[in-house]
Each structure stands twice: as C-alpha cells, then as structure tokens.
Amino acid sequence: MMVTHDPVAASYSGRVIFIKDGQMYTQLNKGDETRQTFLKDIMKTQYVPYMRCWS
C-alpha cells in the first residue's frame, strides 16, 4: 500500500482509492489500460487529499 499525492506514482498501481474528508470518495481500477492512460484517468478525477494505491 502507498499513500501519495503524486498521480505519476499512483499510476504504477493497479487500483487507486481517493479519500475526501476521511471517507472513500471514489476509486479507479487500472484493468487492461496502459499506465499512461491510467495516469490520464487519475488526473481527470477530481483532486482529493489522499490516494491509497495497491498493486
């Protein structure tokens, strides 16, 4: 598990959970996407303070 504000670092994981006000806000799963496409999806998602990432 990694906690980061860095979308590039998060793009190397398989799943990103966005947390807002101490609650799970939304999540993204990489699936079959390329890392670059996943990074774009992460950056399109509304900014929230923390992202928890799992490989």
N, C-alpha and C. Protein backbone atom coordinates (compact mmCIF):
# COMPACT_ATOMS: atom_id res chain seq x y z
N MET A 1 0.84 -1.17 0.00
CA MET A 1 0.00 0.00 0.00
C MET A 1 0.89 1.24 0.00
N MET A 2 0.47 2.24 -0.73
CA MET A 2 1.18 3.51 -0.81
C MET A 2 0.15 4.62 -0.63
N VAL A 3 0.51 5.64 0.10
CA VAL A 3 -0.33 6.83 0.21
C VAL A 3 0.45 7.96 -0.43
N THR A 4 -0.16 8.65 -1.40
CA THR A 4 0.57 9.67 -2.15
C THR A 4 -0.35 10.77 -2.65
N HIS A 5 0.24 11.89 -2.92
CA HIS A 5 -0.44 12.98 -3.62
C HIS A 5 0.01 13.01 -5.09
N ASP A 6 0.95 12.15 -5.44
CA ASP A 6 1.58 12.17 -6.76
C ASP A 6 0.85 11.25 -7.73
N PRO A 7 0.16 11.80 -8.74
CA PRO A 7 -0.57 10.96 -9.69
C PRO A 7 0.35 10.05 -10.51
N VAL A 8 1.58 10.48 -10.76
CA VAL A 8 2.52 9.64 -11.52
C VAL A 8 2.85 8.39 -10.71
N ALA A 9 3.16 8.56 -9.43
CA ALA A 9 3.44 7.40 -8.58
C ALA A 9 2.21 6.50 -8.49
N ALA A 10 1.04 7.09 -8.35
CA ALA A 10 -0.20 6.31 -8.25
C ALA A 10 -0.48 5.52 -9.52
N SER A 11 -0.04 6.04 -10.67
CA SER A 11 -0.32 5.38 -11.95
C SER A 11 0.38 4.03 -12.09
N TYR A 12 1.35 3.74 -11.24
CA TYR A 12 2.05 2.45 -11.27
C TYR A 12 1.29 1.37 -10.49
N SER A 13 0.22 1.74 -9.81
CA SER A 13 -0.56 0.76 -9.05
C SER A 13 -1.68 0.20 -9.92
N GLY A 14 -2.34 -0.80 -9.40
CA GLY A 14 -3.46 -1.41 -10.12
C GLY A 14 -4.81 -0.82 -9.72
N ARG A 15 -4.82 -0.13 -8.59
CA ARG A 15 -6.06 0.42 -8.07
C ARG A 15 -5.75 1.68 -7.28
N VAL A 16 -6.56 2.71 -7.44
CA VAL A 16 -6.38 3.95 -6.70
C VAL A 16 -7.70 4.27 -6.00
N ILE A 17 -7.63 4.50 -4.71
CA ILE A 17 -8.79 4.92 -3.93
C ILE A 17 -8.58 6.37 -3.53
N PHE A 18 -9.54 7.21 -3.84
CA PHE A 18 -9.50 8.62 -3.49
C PHE A 18 -10.27 8.82 -2.20
N ILE A 19 -9.67 9.54 -1.26
CA ILE A 19 -10.29 9.78 0.04
C ILE A 19 -10.53 11.28 0.20
N LYS A 20 -11.72 11.62 0.64
CA LYS A 20 -12.10 13.02 0.86
C LYS A 20 -12.80 13.11 2.21
N ASP A 21 -12.35 14.00 3.04
CA ASP A 21 -12.95 14.20 4.37
C ASP A 21 -13.01 12.90 5.17
N GLY A 22 -11.97 12.07 5.05
CA GLY A 22 -11.89 10.84 5.81
C GLY A 22 -12.76 9.71 5.29
N GLN A 23 -13.39 9.90 4.16
CA GLN A 23 -14.27 8.88 3.59
C GLN A 23 -13.80 8.53 2.18
N MET A 24 -14.06 7.27 1.78
CA MET A 24 -13.75 6.89 0.41
C MET A 24 -14.63 7.71 -0.53
N TYR A 25 -14.00 8.44 -1.45
CA TYR A 25 -14.70 9.32 -2.37
C TYR A 25 -15.04 8.58 -3.67
N THR A 26 -14.03 7.97 -4.27
CA THR A 26 -14.20 7.19 -5.49
C THR A 26 -12.97 6.32 -5.67
N GLN A 27 -13.00 5.42 -6.65
CA GLN A 27 -11.84 4.59 -6.92
C GLN A 27 -11.72 4.34 -8.41
N LEU A 28 -10.50 4.08 -8.83
CA LEU A 28 -10.21 3.72 -10.22
C LEU A 28 -9.44 2.41 -10.23
N ASN A 29 -9.75 1.54 -11.15
CA ASN A 29 -9.02 0.30 -11.36
C ASN A 29 -8.32 0.37 -12.72
N LYS A 30 -7.05 -0.01 -12.76
CA LYS A 30 -6.27 0.08 -13.99
C LYS A 30 -6.77 -0.88 -15.04
N GLY A 31 -7.09 -2.10 -14.65
CA GLY A 31 -7.54 -3.10 -15.62
C GLY A 31 -6.51 -3.31 -16.72
N ASP A 32 -6.95 -3.29 -17.98
CA ASP A 32 -6.05 -3.52 -19.12
C ASP A 32 -5.48 -2.23 -19.71
N GLU A 33 -5.74 -1.09 -19.06
CA GLU A 33 -5.25 0.19 -19.57
C GLU A 33 -3.72 0.26 -19.49
N THR A 34 -3.13 1.07 -20.35
CA THR A 34 -1.70 1.35 -20.22
C THR A 34 -1.51 2.26 -19.02
N ARG A 35 -0.29 2.33 -18.54
CA ARG A 35 0.00 3.21 -17.41
C ARG A 35 -0.29 4.66 -17.77
N GLN A 36 0.04 5.04 -19.00
CA GLN A 36 -0.18 6.42 -19.43
C GLN A 36 -1.67 6.77 -19.46
N THR A 37 -2.49 5.84 -19.93
CA THR A 37 -3.93 6.07 -19.95
C THR A 37 -4.48 6.13 -18.53
N PHE A 38 -3.99 5.24 -17.66
CA PHE A 38 -4.42 5.25 -16.27
C PHE A 38 -4.04 6.56 -15.60
N LEU A 39 -2.84 7.07 -15.89
CA LEU A 39 -2.41 8.36 -15.36
C LEU A 39 -3.38 9.47 -15.79
N LYS A 40 -3.78 9.48 -17.04
CA LYS A 40 -4.73 10.48 -17.52
C LYS A 40 -6.05 10.38 -16.79
N ASP A 41 -6.51 9.14 -16.55
CA ASP A 41 -7.76 8.94 -15.80
C ASP A 41 -7.64 9.47 -14.38
N ILE A 42 -6.50 9.20 -13.75
CA ILE A 42 -6.26 9.69 -12.38
C ILE A 42 -6.31 11.21 -12.37
N MET A 43 -5.65 11.83 -13.34
CA MET A 43 -5.58 13.28 -13.37
C MET A 43 -6.93 13.93 -13.70
N LYS A 44 -7.79 13.20 -14.43
CA LYS A 44 -9.13 13.72 -14.74
C LYS A 44 -10.05 13.68 -13.52
N THR A 45 -9.76 12.76 -12.62
CA THR A 45 -10.59 12.60 -11.43
C THR A 45 -10.38 13.80 -10.52
N GLN A 46 -11.44 14.27 -9.96
CA GLN A 46 -11.36 15.44 -9.09
C GLN A 46 -10.31 15.24 -8.03
N TYR A 47 -9.51 16.26 -7.77
CA TYR A 47 -8.47 16.18 -6.76
C TYR A 47 -9.07 16.02 -5.38
N VAL A 48 -8.52 15.06 -4.63
CA VAL A 48 -8.84 14.88 -3.21
C VAL A 48 -7.53 14.69 -2.47
N PRO A 49 -7.49 14.91 -1.16
CA PRO A 49 -6.22 14.95 -0.43
C PRO A 49 -5.34 13.71 -0.50
N TYR A 50 -5.86 12.50 -0.45
CA TYR A 50 -5.01 11.33 -0.38
C TYR A 50 -5.46 10.27 -1.37
N MET A 51 -4.49 9.52 -1.88
CA MET A 51 -4.78 8.37 -2.73
C MET A 51 -4.08 7.17 -2.11
N ARG A 52 -4.80 6.09 -1.93
CA ARG A 52 -4.18 4.84 -1.45
C ARG A 52 -4.12 3.91 -2.63
N CYS A 53 -2.97 3.30 -2.84
CA CYS A 53 -2.73 2.52 -4.05
C CYS A 53 -2.30 1.10 -3.71
N TRP A 54 -2.85 0.15 -4.46
CA TRP A 54 -2.47 -1.25 -4.33
C TRP A 54 -2.03 -1.77 -5.68
N SER A 55 -1.04 -2.62 -5.70
CA SER A 55 -0.60 -3.24 -6.94
C SER A 55 -1.35 -4.50 -7.22
